[in-house]
All heavy atoms as atom14 arrays in JSON, in Angstrom:
{
  "sequence": "GPALDYEEASLLFASGDNKGAIAKADQLLASQGENADARLYRLK",
  "atom14_mask": [
    [1, 1, 1, 1, 0, 0, 0, 0, 0, 0, 0, 0, 0, 0],
    [1, 1, 1, 1, 1, 1, 1, 0, 0, 0, 0, 0, 0, 0],
    [1, 1, 1, 1, 1, 0, 0, 0, 0, 0, 0, 0, 0, 0],
    [1, 1, 1, 1, 1, 1, 1, 1, 0, 0, 0, 0, 0, 0],
    [1, 1, 1, 1, 1, 1, 1, 1, 0, 0, 0, 0, 0, 0],
    [1, 1, 1, 1, 1, 1, 1, 1, 1, 1, 1, 1, 0, 0],
    [1, 1, 1, 1, 1, 1, 1, 1, 1, 0, 0, 0, 0, 0],
    [1, 1, 1, 1, 1, 1, 1, 1, 1, 0, 0, 0, 0, 0],
    [1, 1, 1, 1, 1, 0, 0, 0, 0, 0, 0, 0, 0, 0],
    [1, 1, 1, 1, 1, 1, 0, 0, 0, 0, 0, 0, 0, 0],
    [1, 1, 1, 1, 1, 1, 1, 1, 0, 0, 0, 0, 0, 0],
    [1, 1, 1, 1, 1, 1, 1, 1, 0, 0, 0, 0, 0, 0],
    [1, 1, 1, 1, 1, 1, 1, 1, 1, 1, 1, 0, 0, 0],
    [1, 1, 1, 1, 1, 0, 0, 0, 0, 0, 0, 0, 0, 0],
    [1, 1, 1, 1, 1, 1, 0, 0, 0, 0, 0, 0, 0, 0],
    [1, 1, 1, 1, 0, 0, 0, 0, 0, 0, 0, 0, 0, 0],
    [1, 1, 1, 1, 1, 1, 1, 1, 0, 0, 0, 0, 0, 0],
    [1, 1, 1, 1, 1, 1, 1, 1, 0, 0, 0, 0, 0, 0],
    [1, 1, 1, 1, 1, 1, 1, 1, 1, 0, 0, 0, 0, 0],
    [1, 1, 1, 1, 0, 0, 0, 0, 0, 0, 0, 0, 0, 0],
    [1, 1, 1, 1, 1, 0, 0, 0, 0, 0, 0, 0, 0, 0],
    [1, 1, 1, 1, 1, 1, 1, 1, 0, 0, 0, 0, 0, 0],
    [1, 1, 1, 1, 1, 0, 0, 0, 0, 0, 0, 0, 0, 0],
    [1, 1, 1, 1, 1, 1, 1, 1, 1, 0, 0, 0, 0, 0],
    [1, 1, 1, 1, 1, 0, 0, 0, 0, 0, 0, 0, 0, 0],
    [1, 1, 1, 1, 1, 1, 1, 1, 0, 0, 0, 0, 0, 0],
    [1, 1, 1, 1, 1, 1, 1, 1, 1, 0, 0, 0, 0, 0],
    [1, 1, 1, 1, 1, 1, 1, 1, 0, 0, 0, 0, 0, 0],
    [1, 1, 1, 1, 1, 1, 1, 1, 0, 0, 0, 0, 0, 0],
    [1, 1, 1, 1, 1, 0, 0, 0, 0, 0, 0, 0, 0, 0],
    [1, 1, 1, 1, 1, 1, 0, 0, 0, 0, 0, 0, 0, 0],
    [1, 1, 1, 1, 1, 1, 1, 1, 1, 0, 0, 0, 0, 0],
    [1, 1, 1, 1, 0, 0, 0, 0, 0, 0, 0, 0, 0, 0],
    [1, 1, 1, 1, 1, 1, 1, 1, 1, 0, 0, 0, 0, 0],
    [1, 1, 1, 1, 1, 1, 1, 1, 0, 0, 0, 0, 0, 0],
    [1, 1, 1, 1, 1, 0, 0, 0, 0, 0, 0, 0, 0, 0],
    [1, 1, 1, 1, 1, 1, 1, 1, 0, 0, 0, 0, 0, 0],
    [1, 1, 1, 1, 1, 0, 0, 0, 0, 0, 0, 0, 0, 0],
    [1, 1, 1, 1, 1, 1, 1, 1, 1, 1, 1, 0, 0, 0],
    [1, 1, 1, 1, 1, 1, 1, 1, 0, 0, 0, 0, 0, 0],
    [1, 1, 1, 1, 1, 1, 1, 1, 1, 1, 1, 1, 0, 0],
    [1, 1, 1, 1, 1, 1, 1, 1, 1, 1, 1, 0, 0, 0],
    [1, 1, 1, 1, 1, 1, 1, 1, 0, 0, 0, 0, 0, 0],
    [1, 1, 1, 1, 1, 1, 1, 1, 1, 0, 0, 0, 0, 0]
  ],
  "atom14_positions": [
    [[-4.35, 114.17, -129.83], [-3.22, 113.67, -130.65], [-1.89, 114.35, -130.15], [-1.9, 115.14, -129.35], [0.0, 0.0, 0.0], [0.0, 0.0, 0.0], [0.0, 0.0, 0.0], [0.0, 0.0, 0.0], [0.0, 0.0, 0.0], [0.0, 0.0, 0.0], [0.0, 0.0, 0.0], [0.0, 0.0, 0.0], [0.0, 0.0, 0.0], [0.0, 0.0, 0.0]],
    [[-0.79, 113.9, -130.86], [0.53, 114.5, -130.54], [0.6, 115.94, -130.44], [1.37, 116.62, -129.55], [1.42, 113.94, -131.41], [0.8, 112.64, -132.0], [-0.67, 113.0, -131.88], [0.0, 0.0, 0.0], [0.0, 0.0, 0.0], [0.0, 0.0, 0.0], [0.0, 0.0, 0.0], [0.0, 0.0, 0.0], [0.0, 0.0, 0.0], [0.0, 0.0, 0.0]],
    [[0.11, 116.6, -131.44], [0.1, 118.14, -131.4], [-0.57, 118.92, -130.27], [0.05, 119.68, -129.59], [-0.52, 118.78, -132.69], [0.0, 0.0, 0.0], [0.0, 0.0, 0.0], [0.0, 0.0, 0.0], [0.0, 0.0, 0.0], [0.0, 0.0, 0.0], [0.0, 0.0, 0.0], [0.0, 0.0, 0.0], [0.0, 0.0, 0.0], [0.0, 0.0, 0.0]],
    [[-1.65, 118.23, -129.81], [-2.44, 118.75, -128.52], [-1.47, 118.5, -127.23], [-1.38, 119.28, -126.48], [-3.7, 118.19, -128.41], [-4.67, 118.67, -127.31], [-4.98, 120.18, -127.62], [-5.87, 117.94, -127.12], [0.0, 0.0, 0.0], [0.0, 0.0, 0.0], [0.0, 0.0, 0.0], [0.0, 0.0, 0.0], [0.0, 0.0, 0.0], [0.0, 0.0, 0.0]],
    [[-0.85, 117.31, -127.28], [-0.06, 116.9, -126.06], [1.14, 117.82, -126.09], [1.66, 118.17, -124.94], [0.45, 115.56, -126.3], [-0.63, 114.49, -126.13], [-1.61, 114.77, -125.38], [-0.62, 113.4, -126.79], [0.0, 0.0, 0.0], [0.0, 0.0, 0.0], [0.0, 0.0, 0.0], [0.0, 0.0, 0.0], [0.0, 0.0, 0.0], [0.0, 0.0, 0.0]],
    [[1.76, 118.21, -127.22], [2.8, 119.26, -127.23], [2.39, 120.59, -126.57], [3.18, 121.05, -125.82], [3.34, 119.39, -128.61], [4.19, 120.68, -128.75], [5.54, 120.69, -128.27], [3.59, 121.9, -129.24], [6.32, 121.86, -128.37], [4.44, 122.93, -129.28], [5.67, 123.03, -128.87], [6.47, 124.15, -128.85], [0.0, 0.0, 0.0], [0.0, 0.0, 0.0]],
    [[1.31, 120.96, -127.05], [0.82, 122.31, -126.44], [0.71, 122.35, -124.99], [0.97, 123.25, -124.22], [-0.55, 122.62, -127.05], [-0.71, 122.75, -128.55], [-0.08, 123.97, -129.09], [0.43, 124.85, -128.3], [-0.11, 124.22, -130.29], [0.0, 0.0, 0.0], [0.0, 0.0, 0.0], [0.0, 0.0, 0.0], [0.0, 0.0, 0.0], [0.0, 0.0, 0.0]],
    [[0.19, 121.11, -124.42], [0.12, 120.96, -122.96], [1.45, 120.96, -122.34], [1.67, 121.61, -121.29], [-0.68, 119.75, -122.57], [-1.07, 119.6, -121.2], [-2.17, 118.63, -120.96], [-2.27, 117.66, -121.83], [-2.86, 118.63, -119.91], [0.0, 0.0, 0.0], [0.0, 0.0, 0.0], [0.0, 0.0, 0.0], [0.0, 0.0, 0.0], [0.0, 0.0, 0.0]],
    [[2.44, 120.3, -122.87], [3.76, 120.22, -122.33], [4.41, 121.66, -122.39], [5.16, 121.99, -121.5], [4.61, 119.26, -123.19], [0.0, 0.0, 0.0], [0.0, 0.0, 0.0], [0.0, 0.0, 0.0], [0.0, 0.0, 0.0], [0.0, 0.0, 0.0], [0.0, 0.0, 0.0], [0.0, 0.0, 0.0], [0.0, 0.0, 0.0], [0.0, 0.0, 0.0]],
    [[4.19, 122.41, -123.41], [4.76, 123.69, -123.52], [4.33, 124.64, -122.46], [5.03, 125.61, -122.22], [4.46, 124.28, -124.96], [3.04, 124.78, -125.11], [0.0, 0.0, 0.0], [0.0, 0.0, 0.0], [0.0, 0.0, 0.0], [0.0, 0.0, 0.0], [0.0, 0.0, 0.0], [0.0, 0.0, 0.0], [0.0, 0.0, 0.0], [0.0, 0.0, 0.0]],
    [[3.06, 124.52, -121.89], [2.57, 125.36, -120.86], [3.61, 125.17, -119.57], [3.63, 126.06, -118.76], [1.24, 124.94, -120.5], [0.1, 125.58, -121.35], [-1.17, 125.01, -121.13], [0.13, 127.07, -121.17], [0.0, 0.0, 0.0], [0.0, 0.0, 0.0], [0.0, 0.0, 0.0], [0.0, 0.0, 0.0], [0.0, 0.0, 0.0], [0.0, 0.0, 0.0]],
    [[4.13, 123.95, -119.43], [5.0, 123.7, -118.31], [6.27, 124.77, -118.47], [6.73, 125.23, -117.43], [5.48, 122.35, -118.16], [4.37, 121.33, -117.79], [4.84, 119.95, -117.96], [3.94, 121.51, -116.39], [0.0, 0.0, 0.0], [0.0, 0.0, 0.0], [0.0, 0.0, 0.0], [0.0, 0.0, 0.0], [0.0, 0.0, 0.0], [0.0, 0.0, 0.0]],
    [[6.82, 124.78, -119.65], [7.79, 125.67, -120.0], [7.57, 127.16, -119.77], [8.32, 127.75, -119.12], [8.39, 125.39, -121.42], [9.39, 126.44, -121.93], [10.67, 126.33, -121.45], [9.05, 127.53, -122.69], [11.71, 127.31, -121.89], [9.92, 128.38, -123.07], [11.31, 128.28, -122.64], [0.0, 0.0, 0.0], [0.0, 0.0, 0.0], [0.0, 0.0, 0.0]],
    [[6.32, 127.54, -120.19], [5.81, 128.96, -120.05], [5.73, 129.26, -118.59], [5.87, 130.45, -118.24], [4.54, 129.13, -120.71], [0.0, 0.0, 0.0], [0.0, 0.0, 0.0], [0.0, 0.0, 0.0], [0.0, 0.0, 0.0], [0.0, 0.0, 0.0], [0.0, 0.0, 0.0], [0.0, 0.0, 0.0], [0.0, 0.0, 0.0], [0.0, 0.0, 0.0]],
    [[5.44, 128.36, -117.8], [5.24, 128.63, -116.3], [6.54, 128.65, -115.62], [6.54, 128.74, -114.4], [4.24, 127.55, -115.7], [4.8, 126.33, -115.69], [0.0, 0.0, 0.0], [0.0, 0.0, 0.0], [0.0, 0.0, 0.0], [0.0, 0.0, 0.0], [0.0, 0.0, 0.0], [0.0, 0.0, 0.0], [0.0, 0.0, 0.0], [0.0, 0.0, 0.0]],
    [[7.74, 128.33, -116.22], [8.99, 128.35, -115.62], [9.39, 126.92, -115.06], [10.4, 126.75, -114.5], [0.0, 0.0, 0.0], [0.0, 0.0, 0.0], [0.0, 0.0, 0.0], [0.0, 0.0, 0.0], [0.0, 0.0, 0.0], [0.0, 0.0, 0.0], [0.0, 0.0, 0.0], [0.0, 0.0, 0.0], [0.0, 0.0, 0.0], [0.0, 0.0, 0.0]],
    [[8.51, 125.87, -115.39], [8.9, 124.5, -114.82], [9.65, 123.87, -115.88], [9.12, 122.93, -116.65], [7.53, 123.8, -114.45], [7.77, 122.44, -113.87], [8.97, 122.08, -113.65], [6.87, 121.74, -113.61], [0.0, 0.0, 0.0], [0.0, 0.0, 0.0], [0.0, 0.0, 0.0], [0.0, 0.0, 0.0], [0.0, 0.0, 0.0], [0.0, 0.0, 0.0]],
    [[10.91, 124.21, -115.96], [11.73, 123.63, -117.08], [11.99, 122.1, -116.99], [11.94, 121.3, -117.9], [13.08, 124.29, -117.04], [12.8, 125.74, -117.43], [12.31, 126.12, -118.52], [13.29, 126.66, -116.58], [0.0, 0.0, 0.0], [0.0, 0.0, 0.0], [0.0, 0.0, 0.0], [0.0, 0.0, 0.0], [0.0, 0.0, 0.0], [0.0, 0.0, 0.0]],
    [[12.21, 121.75, -115.61], [12.39, 120.25, -115.43], [11.13, 119.54, -115.72], [11.15, 118.44, -116.23], [12.88, 120.05, -113.92], [14.32, 120.53, -113.7], [14.73, 120.22, -112.3], [16.16, 120.67, -111.95], [16.64, 120.4, -110.59], [0.0, 0.0, 0.0], [0.0, 0.0, 0.0], [0.0, 0.0, 0.0], [0.0, 0.0, 0.0], [0.0, 0.0, 0.0]],
    [[9.96, 120.04, -115.34], [8.7, 119.42, -115.59], [8.45, 119.36, -117.16], [7.92, 118.37, -117.55], [0.0, 0.0, 0.0], [0.0, 0.0, 0.0], [0.0, 0.0, 0.0], [0.0, 0.0, 0.0], [0.0, 0.0, 0.0], [0.0, 0.0, 0.0], [0.0, 0.0, 0.0], [0.0, 0.0, 0.0], [0.0, 0.0, 0.0], [0.0, 0.0, 0.0]],
    [[8.86, 120.32, -117.78], [8.62, 120.34, -119.22], [9.44, 119.24, -119.98], [9.04, 118.46, -120.83], [9.06, 121.69, -119.86], [0.0, 0.0, 0.0], [0.0, 0.0, 0.0], [0.0, 0.0, 0.0], [0.0, 0.0, 0.0], [0.0, 0.0, 0.0], [0.0, 0.0, 0.0], [0.0, 0.0, 0.0], [0.0, 0.0, 0.0], [0.0, 0.0, 0.0]],
    [[10.7, 119.03, -119.53], [11.58, 118.06, -120.0], [11.08, 116.65, -119.65], [11.01, 115.72, -120.51], [13.01, 118.25, -119.47], [13.68, 119.38, -119.96], [13.92, 116.95, -119.77], [14.97, 119.79, -119.22], [0.0, 0.0, 0.0], [0.0, 0.0, 0.0], [0.0, 0.0, 0.0], [0.0, 0.0, 0.0], [0.0, 0.0, 0.0], [0.0, 0.0, 0.0]],
    [[10.5, 116.43, -118.38], [9.94, 115.1, -118.02], [8.76, 114.82, -118.85], [8.58, 113.71, -119.28], [9.69, 115.24, -116.43], [0.0, 0.0, 0.0], [0.0, 0.0, 0.0], [0.0, 0.0, 0.0], [0.0, 0.0, 0.0], [0.0, 0.0, 0.0], [0.0, 0.0, 0.0], [0.0, 0.0, 0.0], [0.0, 0.0, 0.0], [0.0, 0.0, 0.0]],
    [[7.93, 115.85, -119.01], [6.67, 115.65, -119.79], [6.99, 115.23, -121.26], [6.49, 114.31, -121.89], [5.74, 116.86, -119.76], [4.52, 116.68, -120.61], [3.65, 115.77, -119.87], [2.24, 115.74, -120.59], [1.3, 114.72, -120.0], [0.0, 0.0, 0.0], [0.0, 0.0, 0.0], [0.0, 0.0, 0.0], [0.0, 0.0, 0.0], [0.0, 0.0, 0.0]],
    [[8.07, 115.97, -121.78], [8.46, 115.71, -123.19], [8.87, 114.31, -123.34], [8.64, 113.62, -124.34], [9.49, 116.76, -123.65], [0.0, 0.0, 0.0], [0.0, 0.0, 0.0], [0.0, 0.0, 0.0], [0.0, 0.0, 0.0], [0.0, 0.0, 0.0], [0.0, 0.0, 0.0], [0.0, 0.0, 0.0], [0.0, 0.0, 0.0], [0.0, 0.0, 0.0]],
    [[9.85, 114.0, -122.37], [10.48, 112.58, -122.4], [9.33, 111.53, -122.3], [9.39, 110.45, -123.06], [11.42, 112.45, -121.26], [12.78, 113.03, -121.56], [13.03, 113.24, -122.8], [13.5, 113.38, -120.68], [0.0, 0.0, 0.0], [0.0, 0.0, 0.0], [0.0, 0.0, 0.0], [0.0, 0.0, 0.0], [0.0, 0.0, 0.0], [0.0, 0.0, 0.0]],
    [[8.3, 111.74, -121.6], [7.17, 110.7, -121.45], [6.53, 110.65, -122.61], [6.16, 109.61, -123.1], [6.28, 111.43, -120.27], [4.99, 110.52, -120.05], [3.85, 111.21, -119.47], [4.24, 112.12, -118.59], [2.64, 110.94, -119.69], [0.0, 0.0, 0.0], [0.0, 0.0, 0.0], [0.0, 0.0, 0.0], [0.0, 0.0, 0.0], [0.0, 0.0, 0.0]],
    [[6.23, 111.73, -123.39], [5.52, 111.73, -124.6], [6.24, 111.14, -125.67], [5.76, 110.24, -126.55], [5.01, 113.16, -125.03], [3.98, 113.77, -124.07], [3.77, 115.29, -124.47], [2.61, 113.12, -124.26], [0.0, 0.0, 0.0], [0.0, 0.0, 0.0], [0.0, 0.0, 0.0], [0.0, 0.0, 0.0], [0.0, 0.0, 0.0], [0.0, 0.0, 0.0]],
    [[7.52, 111.33, -125.78], [8.42, 110.79, -126.73], [8.57, 109.32, -126.58], [8.59, 108.47, -127.62], [9.78, 111.51, -126.69], [9.98, 112.87, -127.26], [11.2, 113.51, -126.74], [9.77, 112.88, -128.77], [0.0, 0.0, 0.0], [0.0, 0.0, 0.0], [0.0, 0.0, 0.0], [0.0, 0.0, 0.0], [0.0, 0.0, 0.0], [0.0, 0.0, 0.0]],
    [[8.6, 108.87, -125.23], [8.72, 107.43, -125.02], [7.35, 106.65, -125.4], [7.44, 105.59, -125.89], [9.02, 107.19, -123.47], [0.0, 0.0, 0.0], [0.0, 0.0, 0.0], [0.0, 0.0, 0.0], [0.0, 0.0, 0.0], [0.0, 0.0, 0.0], [0.0, 0.0, 0.0], [0.0, 0.0, 0.0], [0.0, 0.0, 0.0], [0.0, 0.0, 0.0]],
    [[6.27, 107.34, -125.13], [4.96, 106.64, -125.32], [4.55, 106.77, -126.85], [3.68, 105.93, -127.21], [3.91, 107.29, -124.43], [3.56, 108.57, -124.6], [0.0, 0.0, 0.0], [0.0, 0.0, 0.0], [0.0, 0.0, 0.0], [0.0, 0.0, 0.0], [0.0, 0.0, 0.0], [0.0, 0.0, 0.0], [0.0, 0.0, 0.0], [0.0, 0.0, 0.0]],
    [[4.85, 107.79, -127.46], [4.37, 108.08, -128.87], [5.32, 107.69, -129.95], [4.94, 107.57, -131.12], [3.89, 109.53, -128.98], [2.72, 109.82, -128.03], [2.43, 111.25, -128.11], [3.11, 112.17, -128.61], [1.2, 111.62, -127.53], [0.0, 0.0, 0.0], [0.0, 0.0, 0.0], [0.0, 0.0, 0.0], [0.0, 0.0, 0.0], [0.0, 0.0, 0.0]],
    [[6.6, 107.51, -129.55], [7.64, 107.08, -130.52], [7.69, 108.01, -131.73], [7.71, 109.21, -131.55], [0.0, 0.0, 0.0], [0.0, 0.0, 0.0], [0.0, 0.0, 0.0], [0.0, 0.0, 0.0], [0.0, 0.0, 0.0], [0.0, 0.0, 0.0], [0.0, 0.0, 0.0], [0.0, 0.0, 0.0], [0.0, 0.0, 0.0], [0.0, 0.0, 0.0]],
    [[7.64, 107.44, -132.93], [7.79, 108.15, -134.3], [6.64, 109.08, -134.46], [6.7, 109.97, -135.23], [7.99, 107.31, -135.29], [9.36, 106.52, -135.35], [10.51, 107.61, -135.42], [10.51, 108.5, -136.25], [11.42, 107.41, -134.6], [0.0, 0.0, 0.0], [0.0, 0.0, 0.0], [0.0, 0.0, 0.0], [0.0, 0.0, 0.0], [0.0, 0.0, 0.0]],
    [[5.52, 108.9, -133.73], [4.27, 109.74, -133.84], [4.25, 110.93, -133.06], [3.49, 111.78, -133.15], [3.09, 108.92, -133.53], [2.73, 107.76, -134.47], [2.91, 107.9, -135.73], [2.22, 106.65, -134.01], [0.0, 0.0, 0.0], [0.0, 0.0, 0.0], [0.0, 0.0, 0.0], [0.0, 0.0, 0.0], [0.0, 0.0, 0.0], [0.0, 0.0, 0.0]],
    [[5.27, 111.05, -132.16], [5.4, 112.24, -131.24], [5.65, 113.45, -132.05], [6.28, 113.41, -133.15], [6.54, 112.01, -130.15], [0.0, 0.0, 0.0], [0.0, 0.0, 0.0], [0.0, 0.0, 0.0], [0.0, 0.0, 0.0], [0.0, 0.0, 0.0], [0.0, 0.0, 0.0], [0.0, 0.0, 0.0], [0.0, 0.0, 0.0], [0.0, 0.0, 0.0]],
    [[5.31, 114.59, -131.54], [5.44, 115.9, -132.27], [6.96, 116.25, -132.16], [7.52, 116.33, -131.0], [4.6, 116.85, -131.48], [4.52, 118.19, -132.38], [5.59, 118.81, -132.69], [3.44, 118.8, -132.58], [0.0, 0.0, 0.0], [0.0, 0.0, 0.0], [0.0, 0.0, 0.0], [0.0, 0.0, 0.0], [0.0, 0.0, 0.0], [0.0, 0.0, 0.0]],
    [[7.62, 116.56, -133.26], [8.97, 116.85, -133.25], [9.35, 118.13, -132.38], [10.45, 118.3, -131.8], [9.53, 116.98, -134.7], [0.0, 0.0, 0.0], [0.0, 0.0, 0.0], [0.0, 0.0, 0.0], [0.0, 0.0, 0.0], [0.0, 0.0, 0.0], [0.0, 0.0, 0.0], [0.0, 0.0, 0.0], [0.0, 0.0, 0.0], [0.0, 0.0, 0.0]],
    [[8.4, 118.91, -132.18], [8.61, 120.24, -131.41], [8.91, 119.91, -129.9], [9.48, 120.77, -129.25], [7.35, 121.07, -131.64], [7.2, 121.66, -132.92], [5.98, 122.58, -132.93], [4.75, 121.69, -132.79], [3.4, 122.17, -132.66], [3.25, 123.5, -132.63], [2.52, 121.38, -132.45], [0.0, 0.0, 0.0], [0.0, 0.0, 0.0], [0.0, 0.0, 0.0]],
    [[8.69, 118.67, -129.56], [9.09, 118.24, -128.16], [10.56, 118.3, -127.96], [11.06, 118.69, -126.78], [8.58, 116.9, -127.86], [6.95, 116.7, -127.64], [6.66, 115.27, -127.63], [6.54, 117.43, -126.45], [0.0, 0.0, 0.0], [0.0, 0.0, 0.0], [0.0, 0.0, 0.0], [0.0, 0.0, 0.0], [0.0, 0.0, 0.0], [0.0, 0.0, 0.0]],
    [[11.34, 118.06, -129.01], [12.81, 118.18, -128.89], [13.11, 119.68, -128.76], [14.13, 119.98, -128.05], [13.45, 117.55, -130.1], [13.34, 116.05, -130.16], [12.46, 115.41, -130.99], [14.17, 115.31, -129.36], [12.37, 113.97, -131.01], [14.06, 113.89, -129.27], [13.08, 113.33, -130.14], [13.11, 111.88, -130.15], [0.0, 0.0, 0.0], [0.0, 0.0, 0.0]],
    [[12.46, 120.54, -129.56], [12.73, 122.0, -129.41], [12.43, 122.47, -127.99], [13.16, 123.28, -127.4], [12.02, 122.68, -130.43], [12.35, 124.24, -130.58], [11.59, 124.83, -131.59], [10.14, 124.88, -131.47], [9.23, 125.22, -132.35], [9.64, 125.53, -133.6], [8.02, 125.3, -132.1], [0.0, 0.0, 0.0], [0.0, 0.0, 0.0], [0.0, 0.0, 0.0]],
    [[11.34, 121.97, -127.5], [10.87, 122.35, -126.14], [11.93, 121.88, -125.18], [12.29, 122.71, -124.11], [9.54, 121.71, -125.9], [8.95, 121.88, -124.43], [8.64, 123.49, -124.32], [7.67, 121.15, -124.19], [0.0, 0.0, 0.0], [0.0, 0.0, 0.0], [0.0, 0.0, 0.0], [0.0, 0.0, 0.0], [0.0, 0.0, 0.0], [0.0, 0.0, 0.0]],
    [[12.48, 120.72, -125.21], [13.53, 120.22, -124.41], [14.77, 121.02, -124.54], [15.46, 121.51, -123.62], [13.87, 118.76, -124.7], [12.88, 117.75, -124.22], [13.21, 116.33, -124.65], [14.45, 115.94, -123.8], [14.97, 114.53, -124.11], [0.0, 0.0, 0.0], [0.0, 0.0, 0.0], [0.0, 0.0, 0.0], [0.0, 0.0, 0.0], [0.0, 0.0, 0.0]]
  ]
}
């Protein structure tokens, strides 16, 4: 679900891949719409 997907995206940020984290967050926001985890915006 969206919460698990957010956790996976956050690992990109933790590893220093900031552009990758943004790209992953955008991909999830586009595919999941209103169901996406709001924390993706904080991650971005």
